[in-house]
N, C-alpha and C. Protein backbone atom coordinates (compact mmCIF):
# COMPACT_ATOMS: atom_id res chain seq x y z
N UNK A 1 0.93 -1.20 0.23
CA UNK A 1 -0.08 -0.35 -0.07
C UNK A 1 0.86 1.34 0.27
N UNK A 2 2.10 1.14 0.67
CA UNK A 2 3.00 1.95 0.70
C UNK A 2 3.17 2.84 -0.91
N UNK A 3 3.51 1.95 -1.45
CA UNK A 3 3.61 2.09 -3.31
C UNK A 3 2.73 2.99 -3.73
N UNK A 4 1.31 2.63 -3.31
CA UNK A 4 0.42 3.16 -4.09
C UNK A 4 0.36 4.82 -3.45
N UNK A 5 0.28 4.83 -2.49
CA UNK A 5 0.76 6.54 -1.51
C UNK A 5 1.26 6.84 -2.05
N UNK A 6 2.92 6.36 -2.05
CA UNK A 6 3.91 6.91 -2.53
C UNK A 6 4.02 7.46 -4.28
N UNK A 7 3.29 6.78 -5.08
CA UNK A 7 2.88 7.17 -6.57
C UNK A 7 1.42 8.24 -6.69
N UNK A 8 0.77 7.99 -5.66
CA UNK A 8 -0.32 9.13 -5.78
C UNK A 8 0.14 10.48 -4.97
N UNK A 9 0.99 10.58 -4.38
CA UNK A 9 1.88 11.72 -3.85
C UNK A 9 2.49 12.55 -5.06
N UNK A 10 3.28 11.05 -5.29
CA UNK A 10 4.28 11.89 -6.32
C UNK A 10 3.65 12.73 -7.55
N UNK A 11 2.50 12.47 -8.02
CA UNK A 11 1.48 12.64 -9.34
C UNK A 11 0.13 13.73 -8.87
N UNK A 12 0.14 14.14 -7.36
CA UNK A 12 -1.01 14.88 -6.84
C UNK A 12 -0.31 16.50 -7.37
N UNK A 13 -0.93 17.07 -7.75
CA UNK A 13 -0.52 18.81 -8.10
C UNK A 13 -0.52 19.17 -6.46
N UNK A 14 0.35 20.38 -6.47
CA UNK A 14 0.65 20.83 -5.08
C UNK A 14 -0.68 21.61 -4.56
N UNK A 15 -1.25 22.26 -5.60
CA UNK A 15 -2.62 23.25 -5.65
C UNK A 15 -3.24 22.79 -6.61
N UNK A 16 -4.22 22.02 -6.39
CA UNK A 16 -5.25 21.45 -7.32
C UNK A 16 -6.02 22.71 -7.60
N UNK A 17 -7.02 22.85 -8.88
CA UNK A 17 -7.71 23.88 -9.01
C UNK A 17 -8.88 23.54 -8.15
N UNK A 18 -9.75 24.63 -7.99
CA UNK A 18 -10.91 24.54 -7.27
C UNK A 18 -12.11 24.89 -8.36
N UNK A 19 -12.74 23.96 -8.33
CA UNK A 19 -14.18 24.46 -8.96
C UNK A 19 -15.60 23.46 -8.17
N UNK A 20 -16.36 24.06 -8.37
CA UNK A 20 -17.78 23.36 -7.52
C UNK A 20 -19.01 23.18 -8.63
N UNK A 21 -19.49 22.33 -8.34
CA UNK A 21 -20.76 22.08 -9.19
C UNK A 21 -21.59 23.36 -9.17
N UNK A 22 -21.76 24.01 -10.67
CA UNK A 22 -22.57 24.37 -11.06
C UNK A 22 -21.71 25.91 -11.26
N UNK A 23 -20.65 26.14 -11.32
CA UNK A 23 -19.60 26.88 -11.52
C UNK A 23 -19.60 26.85 -13.40
N UNK A 24 -19.46 28.26 -13.79
CA UNK A 24 -19.20 28.00 -15.05
C UNK A 24 -17.47 28.50 -15.03
N UNK A 25 -16.90 27.43 -15.76
CA UNK A 25 -15.69 27.47 -15.80
C UNK A 25 -14.92 27.60 -17.30
N UNK A 26 -13.59 28.21 -17.56
CA UNK A 26 -12.79 27.98 -18.38
C UNK A 26 -11.98 26.72 -18.24
N UNK A 27 -11.92 25.89 -18.69
CA UNK A 27 -10.51 25.01 -18.51
C UNK A 27 -9.54 25.02 -19.91
N UNK A 28 -8.36 25.38 -19.15
CA UNK A 28 -7.39 25.42 -20.31
C UNK A 28 -6.41 24.11 -20.56
N UNK A 29 -6.34 23.53 -21.54
CA UNK A 29 -5.33 22.09 -21.65
C UNK A 29 -4.41 22.12 -22.64
N UNK A 30 -3.45 21.40 -22.58
CA UNK A 30 -2.55 21.58 -23.59
C UNK A 30 -2.61 20.22 -24.20
N UNK A 31 -2.51 20.96 -25.69
CA UNK A 31 -3.18 19.34 -26.94
C UNK A 31 -1.70 19.56 -27.50
N UNK A 32 -1.31 17.87 -28.02
CA UNK A 32 -0.18 17.76 -29.08
C UNK A 32 -0.35 17.83 -30.27
N UNK A 33 -0.08 18.46 -30.96
CA UNK A 33 -0.37 18.28 -32.62
C UNK A 33 0.70 18.10 -33.37
N UNK A 34 1.36 16.57 -33.16
CA UNK A 34 2.76 16.92 -33.87
C UNK A 34 3.59 17.05 -33.07
N UNK A 35 4.81 18.06 -33.29
CA UNK A 35 5.89 18.26 -32.56
C UNK A 35 5.51 19.92 -31.71
N UNK A 36 4.49 20.47 -32.12
CA UNK A 36 4.03 21.50 -31.47
C UNK A 36 2.90 21.07 -30.34
N UNK A 37 2.83 22.14 -29.46
CA UNK A 37 2.24 22.07 -28.03
C UNK A 37 1.64 23.36 -28.25
N UNK A 38 -0.12 23.33 -27.93
CA UNK A 38 -0.64 24.38 -27.93
C UNK A 38 -1.90 24.25 -26.77
N UNK A 39 -2.41 25.38 -26.76
CA UNK A 39 -3.39 25.52 -25.31
C UNK A 39 -4.97 25.33 -25.81
N UNK A 40 -5.57 24.78 -25.70
CA UNK A 40 -7.00 24.83 -26.35
C UNK A 40 -8.09 25.16 -24.93
N UNK A 41 -9.10 26.00 -25.08
CA UNK A 41 -9.79 26.01 -23.91
C UNK A 41 -11.27 25.86 -24.37
N UNK A 42 -11.71 24.96 -23.24
CA UNK A 42 -13.21 24.84 -22.91
C UNK A 42 -14.08 25.23 -22.26
N UNK A 43 -15.06 25.98 -22.66
CA UNK A 43 -15.48 26.92 -21.26
C UNK A 43 -17.16 26.22 -21.38
N UNK A 44 -17.58 26.07 -20.10
CA UNK A 44 -18.90 25.50 -19.85
C UNK A 44 -18.95 25.41 -18.28
N UNK A 45 -20.19 24.53 -17.92
CA UNK A 45 -21.20 24.52 -16.68
C UNK A 45 -20.23 23.29 -16.13
N UNK A 46 -19.72 23.03 -14.61
CA UNK A 46 -19.59 22.08 -13.82
C UNK A 46 -20.85 21.34 -13.48
N UNK A 47 -20.83 19.91 -14.15
CA UNK A 47 -22.42 19.63 -13.97
C UNK A 47 -22.00 18.26 -12.79
N UNK A 48 -20.99 17.88 -12.68
CA UNK A 48 -20.71 16.72 -11.95
C UNK A 48 -18.93 16.67 -11.47
N UNK A 49 -18.57 16.48 -10.02
CA UNK A 49 -17.22 16.08 -9.61
C UNK A 49 -17.34 14.68 -9.22
N UNK A 50 -16.33 14.07 -9.41
CA UNK A 50 -16.31 12.67 -8.96
C UNK A 50 -15.26 12.06 -8.33
N UNK A 51 -14.97 11.39 -7.54
CA UNK A 51 -14.22 10.54 -6.88
C UNK A 51 -13.16 11.33 -5.85
N UNK A 52 -12.12 11.32 -5.82
CA UNK A 52 -11.37 12.43 -4.71
C UNK A 52 -9.73 11.60 -5.09
N UNK A 53 -8.94 12.32 -4.57
CA UNK A 53 -7.74 11.98 -4.89
C UNK A 53 -6.78 12.06 -6.08
N UNK A 54 -6.01 11.47 -6.25
CA UNK A 54 -5.35 11.39 -7.57
C UNK A 54 -6.49 11.10 -8.94
N UNK A 55 -7.45 10.25 -8.46
CA UNK A 55 -8.14 10.17 -9.64
C UNK A 55 -9.58 10.90 -9.99
N UNK A 56 -9.72 12.07 -8.79
CA UNK A 56 -10.66 13.19 -9.16
C UNK A 56 -11.01 13.84 -10.76
N UNK A 57 -12.20 13.90 -10.79
CA UNK A 57 -12.57 14.61 -12.34
C UNK A 57 -13.38 15.32 -11.68
N UNK A 58 -13.75 16.32 -12.92
CA UNK A 58 -14.73 17.32 -13.00
C UNK A 58 -15.33 16.87 -14.53
N UNK A 59 -16.85 17.13 -14.93
CA UNK A 59 -17.41 17.02 -16.25
C UNK A 59 -18.29 18.46 -16.57
N UNK A 60 -17.68 18.95 -17.57
CA UNK A 60 -18.21 20.18 -18.08
C UNK A 60 -19.07 19.89 -19.07
N UNK A 61 -20.11 20.75 -19.31
CA UNK A 61 -20.91 21.04 -20.24
C UNK A 61 -21.09 22.23 -20.99
N UNK A 62 -21.52 22.26 -21.94
CA UNK A 62 -21.35 23.10 -23.08
C UNK A 62 -22.34 22.96 -23.93
N UNK A 63 -23.17 24.19 -24.61
CA UNK A 63 -24.01 23.48 -26.19
C UNK A 63 -22.87 24.41 -26.73
N UNK A 64 -22.63 23.60 -28.08
CA UNK A 64 -21.75 24.14 -29.18
C UNK A 64 -22.69 23.84 -30.44
N UNK A 65 -23.25 24.84 -31.36
CA UNK A 65 -24.12 25.16 -32.19
C UNK A 65 -24.99 24.15 -32.21
N UNK A 66 -25.70 24.15 -30.79
CA UNK A 66 -27.04 23.32 -31.05
C UNK A 66 -26.92 21.84 -30.38
N UNK A 67 -25.67 21.76 -30.17
CA UNK A 67 -25.31 20.18 -29.71
C UNK A 67 -24.52 20.20 -28.56
N UNK A 68 -25.16 19.46 -27.43
CA UNK A 68 -24.60 19.54 -25.85
C UNK A 68 -23.27 18.84 -26.17
N UNK A 69 -22.25 19.14 -25.53
CA UNK A 69 -20.96 18.39 -25.57
C UNK A 69 -20.39 18.52 -24.14
N UNK A 70 -20.24 17.28 -23.52
CA UNK A 70 -19.86 17.29 -22.19
C UNK A 70 -18.16 16.47 -22.38
N UNK A 71 -17.47 16.97 -21.71
CA UNK A 71 -16.03 16.49 -21.50
C UNK A 71 -15.90 16.17 -20.15
N UNK A 72 -14.74 15.28 -19.77
CA UNK A 72 -14.48 14.73 -18.16
C UNK A 72 -12.90 15.02 -18.27
N UNK A 73 -12.72 15.85 -17.28
CA UNK A 73 -11.59 16.60 -16.96
C UNK A 73 -10.92 16.12 -15.60
N UNK A 74 -10.03 15.24 -15.70
CA UNK A 74 -9.08 14.88 -14.37
C UNK A 74 -8.43 16.13 -13.65
N UNK A 75 -8.57 16.13 -12.64
CA UNK A 75 -7.86 17.38 -11.75
C UNK A 75 -6.72 17.20 -12.02
N UNK A 76 -5.74 16.38 -11.84
CA UNK A 76 -4.15 15.84 -11.18
C UNK A 76 -3.79 15.64 -12.84
N UNK A 77 -4.52 15.69 -13.83
CA UNK A 77 -3.73 15.36 -15.14
C UNK A 77 -2.79 16.70 -15.45
N UNK A 78 -1.47 16.11 -16.00
CA UNK A 78 -0.38 16.79 -16.11
C UNK A 78 -0.84 17.98 -17.79
N UNK A 79 -1.62 16.97 -18.45
CA UNK A 79 -2.07 18.16 -19.32
C UNK A 79 -3.38 19.51 -19.21
N UNK A 80 -3.95 19.29 -18.01
CA UNK A 80 -4.61 20.09 -17.41
C UNK A 80 -3.62 21.74 -17.05
N UNK A 81 -3.59 22.59 -17.61
CA UNK A 81 -2.85 23.65 -17.46
C UNK A 81 -3.69 24.24 -16.19
N UNK A 82 -4.83 24.96 -16.13
CA UNK A 82 -5.64 25.94 -15.15
C UNK A 82 -7.16 25.34 -15.77
N UNK A 83 -7.74 26.24 -14.27
CA UNK A 83 -9.39 25.87 -14.45
C UNK A 83 -9.38 27.49 -14.06
N UNK A 84 -9.66 28.23 -14.76
CA UNK A 84 -10.65 29.89 -14.59
C UNK A 84 -12.05 29.52 -14.02
N UNK A 85 -12.38 30.48 -13.25
CA UNK A 85 -13.70 30.27 -12.65
C UNK A 85 -14.43 31.56 -13.13
N UNK A 86 -15.35 31.57 -14.03
CA UNK A 86 -15.95 32.75 -14.74
C UNK A 86 -17.25 33.31 -14.07
N UNK A 87 -18.09 32.34 -13.30
CA UNK A 87 -19.15 32.99 -12.45
C UNK A 87 -19.38 31.36 -11.55
N UNK A 88 -19.73 31.60 -10.22
CA UNK A 88 -20.34 31.07 -9.41
C UNK A 88 -21.70 30.59 -9.50
N UNK A 89 -22.05 29.39 -9.72
CA UNK A 89 -23.65 29.34 -9.66
C UNK A 89 -24.42 28.65 -8.55
N UNK A 90 -25.11 29.06 -7.89
CA UNK A 90 -26.13 28.22 -7.32
C UNK A 90 -26.99 27.40 -7.24
N UNK A 91 -26.73 26.24 -7.15
CA UNK A 91 -26.93 24.87 -6.81
C UNK A 91 -27.36 24.09 -5.74
N UNK A 92 -28.51 23.24 -5.84
CA UNK A 92 -29.03 22.48 -4.52
C UNK A 92 -28.81 21.34 -4.49
N UNK A 93 -27.51 20.80 -5.95
CA UNK A 93 -27.64 19.25 -6.29
C UNK A 93 -26.27 19.12 -6.15
N UNK A 94 -26.08 17.88 -6.24
CA UNK A 94 -24.10 17.30 -6.32
C UNK A 94 -23.95 17.03 -7.82
N UNK A 95 -25.20 16.96 -8.62
CA UNK A 95 -25.30 16.00 -9.94
C UNK A 95 -26.12 16.80 -10.49
N UNK A 96 -25.66 17.63 -11.92
CA UNK A 96 -26.58 18.69 -12.47
C UNK A 96 -27.22 18.10 -13.67
N UNK A 97 -27.45 16.50 -13.61
CA UNK A 97 -27.58 16.12 -14.69
C UNK A 97 -28.83 16.20 -15.47
N UNK A 98 -29.73 16.94 -14.82
CA UNK A 98 -31.28 17.49 -15.43
C UNK A 98 -30.99 18.35 -16.09
N UNK A 99 -29.85 19.39 -16.53
CA UNK A 99 -29.65 20.33 -17.07
C UNK A 99 -29.51 19.54 -18.61
N UNK A 100 -28.70 18.25 -18.56
CA UNK A 100 -29.18 17.76 -20.20
C UNK A 100 -30.24 17.75 -20.82
N UNK A 101 -31.76 17.58 -20.22
CA UNK A 101 -33.09 17.91 -20.76
C UNK A 101 -33.25 19.18 -20.81
N UNK A 102 -32.71 20.37 -20.53
CA UNK A 102 -33.13 21.47 -21.10
C UNK A 102 -32.58 22.36 -21.84
N UNK A 103 -33.09 23.17 -22.47
CA UNK A 103 -32.97 23.94 -23.60
C UNK A 103 -33.16 25.71 -23.52
N UNK A 104 -31.85 26.45 -23.83
CA UNK A 104 -31.81 27.86 -23.74
C UNK A 104 -32.13 28.26 -22.34
N UNK A 105 -32.83 28.92 -22.33
CA UNK A 105 -32.86 29.88 -20.73
C UNK A 105 -33.28 28.82 -19.67
N UNK A 106 -33.96 27.74 -19.99
CA UNK A 106 -34.14 26.84 -18.79
C UNK A 106 -32.91 26.08 -18.39
N UNK A 107 -32.26 26.13 -19.48
CA UNK A 107 -30.64 25.46 -18.83
C UNK A 107 -29.49 26.38 -17.99
N UNK A 108 -30.29 27.61 -17.81
CA UNK A 108 -29.38 28.60 -17.22
C UNK A 108 -29.72 28.25 -15.66
N UNK A 109 -28.18 28.96 -14.77
CA UNK A 109 -28.58 28.55 -13.25
C UNK A 109 -28.39 30.18 -13.02
N UNK A 110 -28.96 30.07 -11.42
CA UNK A 110 -28.92 31.66 -10.82
C UNK A 110 -27.44 31.66 -10.34
N UNK A 111 -27.17 32.88 -10.22
CA UNK A 111 -25.57 33.56 -9.85
C UNK A 111 -25.65 33.74 -8.45
N UNK A 112 -24.79 33.17 -7.56
CA UNK A 112 -24.37 32.51 -6.35
C UNK A 112 -23.74 34.12 -5.86
N UNK A 113 -24.16 34.90 -4.70
CA UNK A 113 -23.59 36.12 -4.70
C UNK A 113 -22.50 36.11 -3.58
C-alpha cells in the first residue's frame, strides 16, 4: 500500500484547481499536434465532480452549435494547465444531470452572490 501512496503523492498537484458544481469555468488544456504544443480552452458549466484524490475529475458541459458537448477532465492530469472560474452558480444538487434535458434559458443557473 505504501507504493500506491507514494505514487499518488508524487503525481498529485500541489494546489489543485478548485471548481464547484454549478460554476461556469474555462478549462485550459495542453494539446499536442505533432511536434507543436498549444493550449485549447473549453468553457462550460461543471455538472459533476467525481471521486477524490488522484482520480478526481469534473464533468463540464456546454452547448456548441445547438449540440450538447460534455467533457470529463481529470483534475490532476499533467495536460490540464489551469481552470478559471467565470461565475459561481447557485445549486442545490451534487450532480446537475437534469440540465441535459433543458434547452435555452431553462438550462441557466442562478448566480451565487
